[in-house]
Amino acid sequence: MDLLSSRLRIVFHVRETKKRLRILECCAEYHSHIVKLALEVNGLHMNITGHMALVWAVSMGCISNQLLSMSKPVGAILYLLGYSMGLSCFIIPGQSLQIEVIIRNTL
């Protein structure tokens, strides 16, 4: 968004009509691209959020049951550690991918 804002500021300082039109066209395309990316991320988020909430609820229910019943406290702790490590295996690559996309789109 900063890039779009800076390009729009440049438009008001340009005297040539053709150059101003090209810059505005570039800004409109860039804005359209940003909106398209936001809609794509929103669609991906809507598809996965329910599944992740269900998995989280079941996992936390199992861990709570094992901890409260004290039948297998070591198993509950190991399950919690495994769940945390598995979740980080999804989060770290996703964050890296998101940063890479942001860097590519700003260049």
N, C-alpha and C. Protein backbone atom coordinates (compact mmCIF):
# COMPACT_ATOMS: atom_id res chain seq x y z
N MET A 1 0.82 -1.19 0.00
CA MET A 1 0.00 0.00 0.00
C MET A 1 0.86 1.26 0.00
N ASP A 2 2.04 1.18 0.62
CA ASP A 2 2.92 2.34 0.62
C ASP A 2 3.39 2.67 -0.78
N LEU A 3 3.66 1.62 -1.56
CA LEU A 3 4.09 1.83 -2.94
C LEU A 3 2.99 2.49 -3.74
N LEU A 4 1.77 2.05 -3.56
CA LEU A 4 0.63 2.64 -4.26
C LEU A 4 0.46 4.10 -3.85
N SER A 5 0.58 4.40 -2.58
CA SER A 5 0.43 5.78 -2.10
C SER A 5 1.51 6.68 -2.67
N SER A 6 2.75 6.18 -2.70
CA SER A 6 3.83 7.01 -3.23
C SER A 6 3.66 7.25 -4.73
N ARG A 7 3.17 6.25 -5.46
CA ARG A 7 2.93 6.44 -6.89
C ARG A 7 1.80 7.43 -7.14
N LEU A 8 0.78 7.38 -6.31
CA LEU A 8 -0.32 8.34 -6.47
C LEU A 8 0.14 9.77 -6.17
N ARG A 9 1.04 9.93 -5.22
CA ARG A 9 1.58 11.27 -4.93
C ARG A 9 2.38 11.80 -6.12
N ILE A 10 3.09 10.90 -6.80
CA ILE A 10 3.89 11.30 -7.96
C ILE A 10 2.99 11.82 -9.07
N VAL A 11 1.81 11.24 -9.22
CA VAL A 11 0.89 11.64 -10.30
C VAL A 11 0.57 13.12 -10.22
N PHE A 12 0.40 13.65 -9.03
CA PHE A 12 0.01 15.04 -8.88
C PHE A 12 1.15 16.02 -9.15
N HIS A 13 2.38 15.50 -9.21
CA HIS A 13 3.52 16.37 -9.49
C HIS A 13 3.95 16.32 -10.96
N VAL A 14 3.37 15.42 -11.74
CA VAL A 14 3.73 15.28 -13.15
C VAL A 14 2.89 16.24 -13.98
N ARG A 15 3.56 16.96 -14.89
CA ARG A 15 2.86 17.94 -15.73
C ARG A 15 2.36 17.34 -17.04
N GLU A 16 3.08 16.35 -17.57
CA GLU A 16 2.71 15.76 -18.86
C GLU A 16 1.48 14.87 -18.70
N THR A 17 0.51 15.07 -19.57
CA THR A 17 -0.74 14.33 -19.49
C THR A 17 -0.56 12.85 -19.79
N LYS A 18 0.23 12.52 -20.81
CA LYS A 18 0.43 11.12 -21.18
C LYS A 18 1.15 10.35 -20.08
N LYS A 19 2.17 10.98 -19.51
CA LYS A 19 2.91 10.32 -18.44
C LYS A 19 2.02 10.14 -17.21
N ARG A 20 1.22 11.14 -16.91
CA ARG A 20 0.29 11.05 -15.77
C ARG A 20 -0.71 9.92 -15.99
N LEU A 21 -1.20 9.79 -17.23
CA LEU A 21 -2.14 8.72 -17.55
C LEU A 21 -1.51 7.35 -17.38
N ARG A 22 -0.25 7.19 -17.81
CA ARG A 22 0.45 5.92 -17.65
C ARG A 22 0.64 5.57 -16.17
N ILE A 23 1.00 6.57 -15.38
CA ILE A 23 1.21 6.32 -13.94
C ILE A 23 -0.12 5.95 -13.27
N LEU A 24 -1.20 6.65 -13.63
CA LEU A 24 -2.51 6.31 -13.07
C LEU A 24 -2.95 4.92 -13.49
N GLU A 25 -2.66 4.54 -14.72
CA GLU A 25 -3.00 3.20 -15.20
C GLU A 25 -2.24 2.14 -14.41
N CYS A 26 -0.96 2.41 -14.16
CA CYS A 26 -0.15 1.50 -13.36
C CYS A 26 -0.70 1.39 -11.93
N CYS A 27 -1.11 2.51 -11.36
CA CYS A 27 -1.69 2.51 -10.01
C CYS A 27 -2.99 1.71 -9.96
N ALA A 28 -3.82 1.87 -11.00
CA ALA A 28 -5.09 1.13 -11.04
C ALA A 28 -4.84 -0.37 -11.15
N GLU A 29 -3.88 -0.77 -11.98
CA GLU A 29 -3.55 -2.19 -12.11
C GLU A 29 -3.00 -2.74 -10.80
N TYR A 30 -2.15 -1.97 -10.15
CA TYR A 30 -1.56 -2.40 -8.88
C TYR A 30 -2.65 -2.54 -7.81
N HIS A 31 -3.57 -1.59 -7.77
CA HIS A 31 -4.67 -1.65 -6.82
C HIS A 31 -5.54 -2.89 -7.09
N SER A 32 -5.82 -3.14 -8.34
CA SER A 32 -6.60 -4.33 -8.71
C SER A 32 -5.89 -5.61 -8.29
N HIS A 33 -4.57 -5.63 -8.44
CA HIS A 33 -3.78 -6.79 -8.04
C HIS A 33 -3.85 -6.99 -6.52
N ILE A 34 -3.77 -5.92 -5.76
CA ILE A 34 -3.84 -6.00 -4.30
C ILE A 34 -5.21 -6.54 -3.87
N VAL A 35 -6.26 -6.05 -4.49
CA VAL A 35 -7.61 -6.52 -4.16
C VAL A 35 -7.76 -7.99 -4.50
N LYS A 36 -7.22 -8.41 -5.66
CA LYS A 36 -7.30 -9.81 -6.07
C LYS A 36 -6.56 -10.71 -5.08
N LEU A 37 -5.39 -10.28 -4.62
CA LEU A 37 -4.64 -11.05 -3.62
C LEU A 37 -5.40 -11.15 -2.30
N ALA A 38 -6.00 -10.05 -1.89
CA ALA A 38 -6.77 -10.05 -0.64
C ALA A 38 -7.96 -11.00 -0.73
N LEU A 39 -8.63 -11.02 -1.87
CA LEU A 39 -9.77 -11.94 -2.04
C LEU A 39 -9.31 -13.39 -2.05
N GLU A 40 -8.15 -13.64 -2.65
CA GLU A 40 -7.62 -15.01 -2.67
C GLU A 40 -7.25 -15.48 -1.26
N VAL A 41 -6.59 -14.62 -0.50
CA VAL A 41 -6.23 -14.97 0.88
C VAL A 41 -7.49 -15.19 1.71
N ASN A 42 -8.50 -14.35 1.50
CA ASN A 42 -9.76 -14.51 2.23
C ASN A 42 -10.41 -15.85 1.91
N GLY A 43 -10.40 -16.24 0.64
CA GLY A 43 -10.97 -17.54 0.26
C GLY A 43 -10.22 -18.70 0.88
N LEU A 44 -8.89 -18.62 0.87
CA LEU A 44 -8.09 -19.68 1.49
C LEU A 44 -8.34 -19.76 2.99
N HIS A 45 -8.45 -18.61 3.61
CA HIS A 45 -8.68 -18.56 5.05
C HIS A 45 -10.04 -19.15 5.40
N MET A 46 -11.05 -18.84 4.60
CA MET A 46 -12.39 -19.36 4.88
C MET A 46 -12.45 -20.88 4.71
N ASN A 47 -11.66 -21.43 3.79
CA ASN A 47 -11.67 -22.87 3.56
C ASN A 47 -11.02 -23.65 4.69
N ILE A 48 -10.02 -23.09 5.33
CA ILE A 48 -9.23 -23.86 6.30
C ILE A 48 -9.58 -23.57 7.75
N THR A 49 -10.20 -22.44 8.04
CA THR A 49 -10.44 -22.05 9.42
C THR A 49 -11.33 -23.05 10.17
N GLY A 50 -12.40 -23.50 9.56
CA GLY A 50 -13.29 -24.45 10.23
C GLY A 50 -12.61 -25.77 10.54
N HIS A 51 -11.82 -26.25 9.59
CA HIS A 51 -11.11 -27.52 9.80
C HIS A 51 -10.10 -27.39 10.95
N MET A 52 -9.37 -26.29 10.95
CA MET A 52 -8.37 -26.10 12.00
C MET A 52 -9.03 -25.94 13.37
N ALA A 53 -10.18 -25.29 13.43
CA ALA A 53 -10.89 -25.14 14.70
C ALA A 53 -11.37 -26.50 15.21
N LEU A 54 -11.83 -27.35 14.30
CA LEU A 54 -12.29 -28.68 14.70
C LEU A 54 -11.13 -29.53 15.22
N VAL A 55 -10.01 -29.50 14.50
CA VAL A 55 -8.83 -30.26 14.94
C VAL A 55 -8.33 -29.74 16.28
N TRP A 56 -8.32 -28.43 16.45
CA TRP A 56 -7.86 -27.84 17.70
C TRP A 56 -8.77 -28.25 18.86
N ALA A 57 -10.09 -28.22 18.63
CA ALA A 57 -11.03 -28.57 19.70
C ALA A 57 -10.87 -30.03 20.11
N VAL A 58 -10.75 -30.92 19.14
CA VAL A 58 -10.58 -32.35 19.46
C VAL A 58 -9.27 -32.58 20.20
N SER A 59 -8.20 -31.94 19.72
CA SER A 59 -6.89 -32.11 20.35
C SER A 59 -6.90 -31.60 21.78
N MET A 60 -7.45 -30.42 22.00
CA MET A 60 -7.47 -29.86 23.34
C MET A 60 -8.39 -30.68 24.25
N GLY A 61 -9.47 -31.24 23.70
CA GLY A 61 -10.35 -32.10 24.49
C GLY A 61 -9.63 -33.36 24.95
N CYS A 62 -8.86 -33.97 24.05
CA CYS A 62 -8.10 -35.18 24.42
C CYS A 62 -7.04 -34.87 25.48
N ILE A 63 -6.35 -33.77 25.30
CA ILE A 63 -5.32 -33.38 26.27
C ILE A 63 -5.95 -33.10 27.63
N SER A 64 -7.05 -32.36 27.64
CA SER A 64 -7.73 -32.05 28.91
C SER A 64 -8.22 -33.32 29.60
N ASN A 65 -8.77 -34.24 28.83
CA ASN A 65 -9.26 -35.50 29.40
C ASN A 65 -8.11 -36.28 30.04
N GLN A 66 -6.99 -36.36 29.36
CA GLN A 66 -5.86 -37.11 29.91
C GLN A 66 -5.27 -36.42 31.13
N LEU A 67 -5.21 -35.10 31.12
CA LEU A 67 -4.65 -34.39 32.27
C LEU A 67 -5.58 -34.44 33.48
N LEU A 68 -6.89 -34.28 33.26
CA LEU A 68 -7.84 -34.27 34.38
C LEU A 68 -8.05 -35.66 34.98
N SER A 69 -8.03 -36.67 34.15
CA SER A 69 -8.23 -38.02 34.69
C SER A 69 -6.96 -38.56 35.33
N MET A 70 -5.85 -37.92 35.06
CA MET A 70 -4.54 -38.31 35.59
C MET A 70 -4.20 -39.77 35.26
N SER A 71 -4.85 -40.30 34.24
CA SER A 71 -4.53 -41.67 33.85
C SER A 71 -3.23 -41.72 33.06
N LYS A 72 -3.03 -40.71 32.22
CA LYS A 72 -1.82 -40.68 31.41
C LYS A 72 -1.30 -39.24 31.30
N PRO A 73 -0.78 -38.67 32.39
CA PRO A 73 -0.31 -37.28 32.31
C PRO A 73 0.90 -37.12 31.39
N VAL A 74 1.77 -38.13 31.35
CA VAL A 74 2.94 -38.05 30.47
C VAL A 74 2.48 -38.09 29.01
N GLY A 75 1.48 -38.94 28.74
CA GLY A 75 0.93 -39.01 27.38
C GLY A 75 0.30 -37.70 26.95
N ALA A 76 -0.38 -37.04 27.88
CA ALA A 76 -1.01 -35.76 27.57
C ALA A 76 0.04 -34.70 27.25
N ILE A 77 1.10 -34.68 28.04
CA ILE A 77 2.16 -33.71 27.80
C ILE A 77 2.86 -33.99 26.47
N LEU A 78 3.11 -35.26 26.18
CA LEU A 78 3.72 -35.61 24.90
C LEU A 78 2.80 -35.26 23.73
N TYR A 79 1.51 -35.48 23.90
CA TYR A 79 0.54 -35.14 22.87
C TYR A 79 0.53 -33.63 22.63
N LEU A 80 0.57 -32.86 23.72
CA LEU A 80 0.59 -31.40 23.61
C LEU A 80 1.86 -30.93 22.91
N LEU A 81 3.00 -31.52 23.26
CA LEU A 81 4.25 -31.16 22.59
C LEU A 81 4.21 -31.52 21.11
N GLY A 82 3.68 -32.69 20.79
CA GLY A 82 3.57 -33.10 19.39
C GLY A 82 2.65 -32.19 18.60
N TYR A 83 1.53 -31.82 19.22
CA TYR A 83 0.60 -30.92 18.56
C TYR A 83 1.25 -29.56 18.32
N SER A 84 1.97 -29.05 19.32
CA SER A 84 2.65 -27.76 19.17
C SER A 84 3.71 -27.80 18.08
N MET A 85 4.47 -28.89 18.04
CA MET A 85 5.50 -29.00 17.00
C MET A 85 4.86 -29.15 15.62
N GLY A 86 3.78 -29.92 15.53
CA GLY A 86 3.09 -30.06 14.25
C GLY A 86 2.50 -28.75 13.77
N LEU A 87 1.95 -27.99 14.69
CA LEU A 87 1.39 -26.69 14.33
C LEU A 87 2.47 -25.74 13.86
N SER A 88 3.63 -25.77 14.53
CA SER A 88 4.72 -24.90 14.10
C SER A 88 5.26 -25.31 12.73
N CYS A 89 5.14 -26.60 12.40
CA CYS A 89 5.56 -27.05 11.06
C CYS A 89 4.67 -26.45 9.98
N PHE A 90 3.43 -26.12 10.32
CA PHE A 90 2.54 -25.47 9.36
C PHE A 90 2.73 -23.95 9.37
N ILE A 91 2.95 -23.38 10.53
CA ILE A 91 3.00 -21.93 10.66
C ILE A 91 4.28 -21.35 10.06
N ILE A 92 5.43 -21.93 10.35
CA ILE A 92 6.70 -21.37 9.89
C ILE A 92 6.80 -21.36 8.36
N PRO A 93 6.52 -22.46 7.65
CA PRO A 93 6.56 -22.38 6.18
C PRO A 93 5.51 -21.43 5.61
N GLY A 94 4.34 -21.37 6.23
CA GLY A 94 3.31 -20.45 5.77
C GLY A 94 3.75 -19.00 5.90
N GLN A 95 4.39 -18.68 7.02
CA GLN A 95 4.88 -17.32 7.21
C GLN A 95 6.00 -17.00 6.23
N SER A 96 6.89 -17.96 5.99
CA SER A 96 7.98 -17.77 5.02
C SER A 96 7.41 -17.53 3.62
N LEU A 97 6.39 -18.30 3.25
CA LEU A 97 5.76 -18.14 1.94
C LEU A 97 5.10 -16.77 1.84
N GLN A 98 4.44 -16.34 2.89
CA GLN A 98 3.78 -15.05 2.89
C GLN A 98 4.80 -13.91 2.74
N ILE A 99 5.91 -14.00 3.44
CA ILE A 99 6.96 -12.98 3.33
C ILE A 99 7.53 -12.96 1.93
N GLU A 100 7.76 -14.13 1.34
CA GLU A 100 8.30 -14.22 -0.02
C GLU A 100 7.35 -13.58 -1.03
N VAL A 101 6.06 -13.82 -0.88
CA VAL A 101 5.08 -13.23 -1.79
C VAL A 101 5.07 -11.72 -1.65
N ILE A 102 5.14 -11.22 -0.43
CA ILE A 102 5.15 -9.78 -0.20
C ILE A 102 6.39 -9.16 -0.83
N ILE A 103 7.54 -9.80 -0.67
CA ILE A 103 8.78 -9.26 -1.24
C ILE A 103 8.71 -9.25 -2.76
N ARG A 104 8.21 -10.32 -3.37
CA ARG A 104 8.12 -10.38 -4.83
C ARG A 104 7.16 -9.33 -5.37
N ASN A 105 6.07 -9.09 -4.68
CA ASN A 105 5.08 -8.14 -5.18
C ASN A 105 5.51 -6.69 -5.00
N THR A 106 6.42 -6.42 -4.09
CA THR A 106 6.88 -5.05 -3.91
C THR A 106 8.02 -4.70 -4.85
N LEU A 107 8.66 -5.70 -5.44
CA LEU A 107 9.76 -5.41 -6.36
C LEU A 107 9.29 -5.15 -7.73
